[in-house]
Amino acid sequence: MLVDLHTHSTASDGTYHPNELVERAKLLGLEVLAITDHDTISAFEQLNEKYYDDPKILVVKGVEISAEYVTDSLHILGYNFKDDAMIQRVLKELLDYRNKRNEMILEKMNAHGFHATMDELRRIARGEAIGRPHFARLMLEKGYVKSLDEAFEKYLADGGIFFVEKRRLKPAEAIELIKSAGGIAVLAHPYELLRGKPSGENDWDYLENMVKTLVRNGLDGLEVFYSTHTMTQTDDLLRLAKKYGLLVTAGSDYHGGNRPGVSLGMNVPYKLLRPFLERLG
């Protein structure tokens, strides 16, 4: 079954407008597409209503919430929530801080001779939520770096010269928000959590303990199939999902041109996704 339950549009840091993203998915033959922008659901205000009743593809309302963690790698995906107003209210508070954070990053850039303006960032972002990929693209466009990887590794990643910490919800708060709004809460890219693992601790023990904690907080599912997972990692996560009674999802983390190595769409056996799809109704 060809699906993608983790994608980003121009409403956050993807390069395709929500309508373009759906059309691209249809051309590739995807049966299910979830748009899960970072900390915003504004894509669904921009999405043409015709796609909600499109017989060729199921479009799922989603969001990816960045949760508080030692690194920027604990993200909770929310699907099929009913109370948009509740989600929007909390995310707007995060967005307001994000805008202040962007101003702080700009100040750092200009202080180091990397001249940039908010208008230039808005032109690149094409949406309301400006993020670090847009800063990276602007730096590349202006010739301050030779690649997007250089922009992140040297300047924008955690501990980089221009890095400014995000304001985030605690993981339990992110899960509670999604479920209180009537949605399904899923841990995105679980192996990314190992970036925050203390040295010396066993990788698998650490990952399982983190998942156990999130399950106690109400987690519904795991993103078992992911664009960078190996077959071994996928198999291990399938066993973990079964052990804790978690739903299985599949997402590429597609960003269009902002992450050129990632393709849209994941081919996954229907029987593994069926419980999640049934929860969607």
Protein backbone atom coordinates (compact mmCIF):
# COMPACT_ATOMS: atom_id res chain seq x y z
CA MET A 1 0.00 0.00 0.00
CA LEU A 2 1.50 3.34 -1.04
CA VAL A 3 1.02 5.99 1.65
CA ASP A 4 2.82 8.88 3.33
CA LEU A 5 1.76 9.89 6.83
CA HIS A 6 4.55 12.42 7.46
CA THR A 7 4.94 15.30 4.99
CA HIS A 8 5.53 19.04 5.11
CA SER A 9 4.12 21.84 2.98
CA THR A 10 4.88 25.55 2.60
CA ALA A 11 2.81 26.10 5.74
CA SER A 12 5.99 25.15 7.60
CA ASP A 13 9.28 24.21 5.94
CA GLY A 14 8.30 22.22 2.85
CA THR A 15 8.60 23.58 -0.69
CA TYR A 16 5.19 22.52 -2.05
CA HIS A 17 1.93 24.35 -1.39
CA PRO A 18 -0.61 21.98 0.26
CA ASN A 19 -2.56 21.70 -3.01
CA GLU A 20 0.64 20.97 -4.95
CA LEU A 21 1.62 18.36 -2.38
CA VAL A 22 -1.68 16.50 -2.79
CA GLU A 23 -1.45 16.64 -6.59
CA ARG A 24 2.10 15.29 -6.45
CA ALA A 25 0.96 12.46 -4.19
CA LYS A 26 -1.87 11.61 -6.58
CA LEU A 27 0.51 11.50 -9.55
CA LEU A 28 2.69 9.02 -7.66
CA GLY A 29 -0.31 6.84 -6.85
CA LEU A 30 -0.46 7.39 -3.08
CA GLU A 31 -3.69 6.16 -1.48
CA VAL A 32 -3.28 8.07 1.79
CA LEU A 33 -1.46 11.36 2.46
CA ALA A 34 -1.13 13.15 5.78
CA ILE A 35 0.14 16.74 5.87
CA THR A 36 1.98 17.17 9.17
CA ASP A 37 3.56 20.61 9.26
CA HIS A 38 5.71 21.70 12.17
CA ASP A 39 3.66 23.29 14.95
CA THR A 40 0.93 24.59 12.63
CA ILE A 41 -2.26 23.34 10.97
CA SER A 42 -2.62 26.31 8.62
CA ALA A 43 -2.12 24.03 5.59
CA PHE A 44 -5.73 22.95 6.01
CA GLU A 45 -6.95 26.53 5.70
CA GLN A 46 -5.10 26.70 2.36
CA LEU A 47 -6.08 23.26 1.07
CA ASN A 48 -8.76 23.15 -1.62
CA GLU A 49 -11.86 21.51 -0.12
CA LYS A 50 -12.22 19.25 -3.15
CA TYR A 51 -9.36 17.10 -1.86
CA TYR A 52 -11.31 16.02 1.21
CA ASP A 53 -13.74 14.13 -1.04
CA ASP A 54 -11.26 13.06 -3.70
CA PRO A 55 -11.95 9.39 -4.58
CA LYS A 56 -8.32 8.85 -5.62
CA ILE A 57 -6.65 9.80 -2.32
CA LEU A 58 -7.45 10.09 1.38
CA VAL A 59 -6.03 13.33 2.79
CA VAL A 60 -5.51 13.17 6.57
CA LYS A 61 -5.32 16.23 8.80
CA GLY A 62 -2.10 16.17 10.79
CA VAL A 63 0.55 18.12 12.67
CA GLU A 64 4.08 17.53 13.95
CA ILE A 65 4.66 19.03 17.39
CA SER A 66 8.23 19.63 18.54
CA ALA A 67 8.41 18.52 22.18
CA GLU A 68 10.87 19.45 24.89
CA TYR A 69 13.93 17.21 24.82
CA VAL A 70 17.69 17.45 25.23
CA THR A 71 17.97 17.75 21.42
CA ASP A 72 15.46 18.88 18.78
CA SER A 73 14.49 15.32 17.96
CA LEU A 74 11.42 14.35 20.00
CA HIS A 75 8.45 15.07 17.78
CA ILE A 76 4.85 13.95 18.30
CA LEU A 77 2.66 13.52 15.24
CA GLY A 78 -1.04 14.22 15.67
CA TYR A 79 -3.68 12.86 13.29
CA ASN A 80 -7.38 13.29 12.64
CA PHE A 81 -8.06 15.70 15.51
CA LYS A 82 -11.54 17.17 15.72
CA ASP A 83 -11.09 20.32 17.81
CA ASP A 84 -9.04 22.56 15.50
CA ALA A 85 -9.58 25.60 17.74
CA MET A 86 -7.90 23.88 20.70
CA ILE A 87 -4.89 22.89 18.59
CA GLN A 88 -4.64 26.33 16.97
CA ARG A 89 -4.76 28.19 20.27
CA VAL A 90 -1.79 26.34 21.74
CA LEU A 91 0.20 26.28 18.52
CA LYS A 92 -0.31 30.04 18.06
CA GLU A 93 1.45 30.63 21.38
CA LEU A 94 4.37 28.54 20.12
CA LEU A 95 4.31 30.36 16.76
CA ASP A 96 4.43 33.76 18.47
CA TYR A 97 7.60 32.69 20.25
CA ARG A 98 8.97 31.19 17.03
CA ASN A 99 8.61 34.59 15.35
CA LYS A 100 10.58 36.20 18.18
CA ARG A 101 13.16 33.43 17.84
CA ASN A 102 13.51 34.17 14.11
CA GLU A 103 14.23 37.81 14.92
CA MET A 104 16.94 36.69 17.33
CA ILE A 105 18.52 34.44 14.70
CA LEU A 106 18.45 37.33 12.22
CA GLU A 107 20.19 39.57 14.74
CA LYS A 108 22.94 36.98 15.19
CA MET A 109 23.34 36.59 11.42
CA ASN A 110 23.64 40.30 10.80
CA ALA A 111 26.05 40.74 13.70
CA HIS A 112 28.33 38.21 11.96
CA GLY A 113 28.10 39.98 8.60
CA PHE A 114 25.47 37.62 7.13
CA HIS A 115 23.12 40.36 5.95
CA ALA A 116 19.50 39.19 5.75
CA THR A 117 15.99 40.55 6.27
CA MET A 118 12.66 39.10 7.34
CA ASP A 119 11.19 40.01 3.95
CA GLU A 120 13.79 37.82 2.25
CA LEU A 121 12.91 34.93 4.56
CA ARG A 122 9.17 35.35 3.90
CA ARG A 123 9.84 35.22 0.15
CA ILE A 124 11.66 31.90 0.56
CA ALA A 125 9.19 30.44 3.07
CA ARG A 126 6.03 31.18 1.04
CA GLY A 127 4.05 30.47 4.20
CA GLU A 128 3.43 31.79 7.68
CA ALA A 129 5.88 29.62 9.64
CA ILE A 130 9.53 30.52 8.99
CA GLY A 131 12.00 27.88 10.17
CA ARG A 132 15.69 27.04 10.04
CA PRO A 133 15.54 25.49 6.54
CA HIS A 134 14.50 28.91 5.23
CA PHE A 135 17.49 30.56 6.92
CA ALA A 136 19.70 27.88 5.39
CA ARG A 137 18.29 28.47 1.89
CA LEU A 138 18.77 32.22 2.22
CA MET A 139 22.38 31.75 3.34
CA LEU A 140 23.00 29.47 0.35
CA GLU A 141 21.31 31.90 -2.04
CA LYS A 142 23.49 34.76 -0.80
CA GLY A 143 26.67 32.71 -1.04
CA TYR A 144 27.42 32.66 2.68
CA VAL A 145 27.59 28.86 2.61
CA LYS A 146 28.29 26.28 -0.09
CA SER A 147 25.52 23.84 0.89
CA LEU A 148 22.44 23.46 3.09
CA ASP A 149 24.36 20.93 5.16
CA GLU A 150 27.05 23.50 5.89
CA ALA A 151 24.40 26.05 6.92
CA PHE A 152 23.00 23.62 9.48
CA GLU A 153 26.16 21.99 10.74
CA LYS A 154 28.09 25.20 11.30
CA TYR A 155 25.42 27.81 11.98
CA LEU A 156 21.86 26.57 12.64
CA ALA A 157 22.04 23.17 14.36
CA ASP A 158 21.93 22.82 18.15
CA GLY A 159 25.02 24.60 19.44
CA GLY A 160 25.64 26.36 16.10
CA ILE A 161 26.71 29.99 15.88
CA PHE A 162 23.19 31.24 15.08
CA PHE A 163 21.20 28.67 17.08
CA VAL A 164 18.41 29.92 19.35
CA GLU A 165 16.43 27.45 21.48
CA LYS A 166 12.79 26.77 20.64
CA ARG A 167 9.97 26.98 23.17
CA ARG A 168 8.31 23.58 23.27
CA LEU A 169 5.59 21.64 25.00
CA LYS A 170 6.66 18.79 27.24
CA PRO A 171 6.11 15.40 25.52
CA ALA A 172 3.20 14.60 27.83
CA GLU A 173 1.64 17.99 27.06
CA ALA A 174 1.95 17.44 23.31
CA ILE A 175 0.27 14.04 23.59
CA GLU A 176 -2.45 15.40 25.86
CA LEU A 177 -3.15 18.28 23.45
CA ILE A 178 -3.59 15.94 20.48
CA LYS A 179 -5.79 13.48 22.37
CA SER A 180 -7.86 16.17 24.06
CA ALA A 181 -8.60 17.49 20.56
CA GLY A 182 -9.84 14.02 19.57
CA GLY A 183 -6.71 12.98 17.67
CA ILE A 184 -4.20 10.13 17.49
CA ALA A 185 -0.71 10.71 18.97
CA VAL A 186 2.27 9.00 17.32
CA LEU A 187 6.01 9.21 18.05
CA ALA A 188 7.84 10.44 14.95
CA HIS A 189 11.21 8.94 13.82
CA PRO A 190 11.87 7.04 17.09
CA TYR A 191 15.55 6.37 16.41
CA GLU A 192 16.20 10.12 16.36
CA LEU A 193 15.76 10.02 20.14
CA LEU A 194 19.18 8.38 20.40
CA ARG A 195 20.72 11.78 19.66
CA GLY A 196 19.83 12.69 23.25
CA LYS A 197 21.01 9.44 24.83
CA PRO A 198 23.59 9.72 27.60
CA SER A 199 26.92 8.18 26.61
CA GLY A 200 27.39 4.66 27.87
CA GLU A 201 23.70 3.75 28.00
CA ASN A 202 22.50 0.91 25.77
CA ASP A 203 20.71 2.25 22.67
CA TRP A 204 17.79 -0.16 22.73
CA ASP A 205 17.20 0.03 26.48
CA TYR A 206 17.16 3.81 26.28
CA LEU A 207 14.76 3.84 23.33
CA GLU A 208 12.37 1.31 24.89
CA ASN A 209 12.33 3.18 28.20
CA MET A 210 11.51 6.41 26.39
CA VAL A 211 8.66 4.70 24.54
CA LYS A 212 7.36 3.16 27.79
CA THR A 213 7.25 6.62 29.36
CA LEU A 214 5.39 8.06 26.38
CA VAL A 215 2.92 5.15 26.46
CA ARG A 216 2.17 5.98 30.10
CA ASN A 217 1.49 9.54 28.89
CA GLY A 218 -1.06 8.25 26.37
CA LEU A 219 0.96 7.63 23.19
CA ASP A 220 -1.08 5.76 20.56
CA GLY A 221 1.47 4.78 17.93
CA LEU A 222 5.00 4.56 16.52
CA GLU A 223 6.33 5.74 13.16
CA VAL A 224 7.80 2.33 12.44
CA PHE A 225 8.42 2.89 8.72
CA TYR A 226 10.57 5.97 8.11
CA SER A 227 12.76 7.13 5.24
CA THR A 228 16.07 6.56 7.05
CA HIS A 229 15.22 3.39 9.00
CA THR A 230 17.13 0.24 8.13
CA MET A 231 15.26 -3.08 7.78
CA THR A 232 16.62 -4.12 11.18
CA GLN A 233 15.42 -0.91 12.83
CA THR A 234 11.99 -1.32 11.23
CA ASP A 235 11.72 -4.92 12.44
CA ASP A 236 12.77 -3.91 15.96
CA LEU A 237 10.17 -1.14 16.04
CA LEU A 238 7.48 -3.51 14.78
CA ARG A 239 8.22 -5.78 17.76
CA LEU A 240 8.19 -2.77 20.11
CA ALA A 241 4.83 -1.60 18.74
CA LYS A 242 3.38 -5.07 19.25
CA LYS A 243 4.79 -5.32 22.79
CA TYR A 244 3.13 -2.09 23.90
CA GLY A 245 -0.02 -2.32 21.79
CA LEU A 246 0.88 0.66 19.62
CA LEU A 247 -0.42 1.57 16.18
CA VAL A 248 2.04 1.35 13.29
CA THR A 249 2.47 4.28 10.89
CA ALA A 250 4.69 5.07 7.91
CA GLY A 251 6.10 8.45 6.88
CA SER A 252 8.93 9.76 4.75
CA ASP A 253 9.29 13.20 6.41
CA TYR A 254 9.06 14.71 2.94
CA HIS A 255 10.03 18.40 2.64
CA GLY A 256 10.34 18.69 -1.14
CA GLY A 257 13.43 20.65 -2.17
CA ASN A 258 14.37 21.40 1.44
CA ARG A 259 15.27 17.73 1.92
CA PRO A 260 16.15 16.52 -1.58
CA GLY A 261 17.28 13.06 -0.51
CA VAL A 262 13.81 12.09 0.71
CA SER A 263 11.15 10.86 -1.74
CA LEU A 264 7.40 11.14 -1.27
CA GLY A 265 5.63 7.87 -0.47
CA MET A 266 6.18 4.68 1.54
CA ASN A 267 5.22 1.21 0.31
CA VAL A 268 3.94 -0.71 3.35
CA PRO A 269 1.85 -3.90 3.75
CA TYR A 270 -1.79 -2.94 4.32
CA LYS A 271 -2.20 -5.37 7.22
CA LEU A 272 0.36 -3.41 9.27
CA LEU A 273 -1.37 -0.08 8.70
CA ARG A 274 -4.91 -1.39 8.97
CA PRO A 275 -5.39 -0.69 12.74
CA PHE A 276 -4.26 2.92 12.25
CA LEU A 277 -6.43 3.39 9.17
CA GLU A 278 -9.41 1.96 11.04
CA ARG A 279 -8.82 4.47 13.85
CA LEU A 280 -9.00 7.20 11.22
CA GLY A 281 -12.48 5.93 10.38
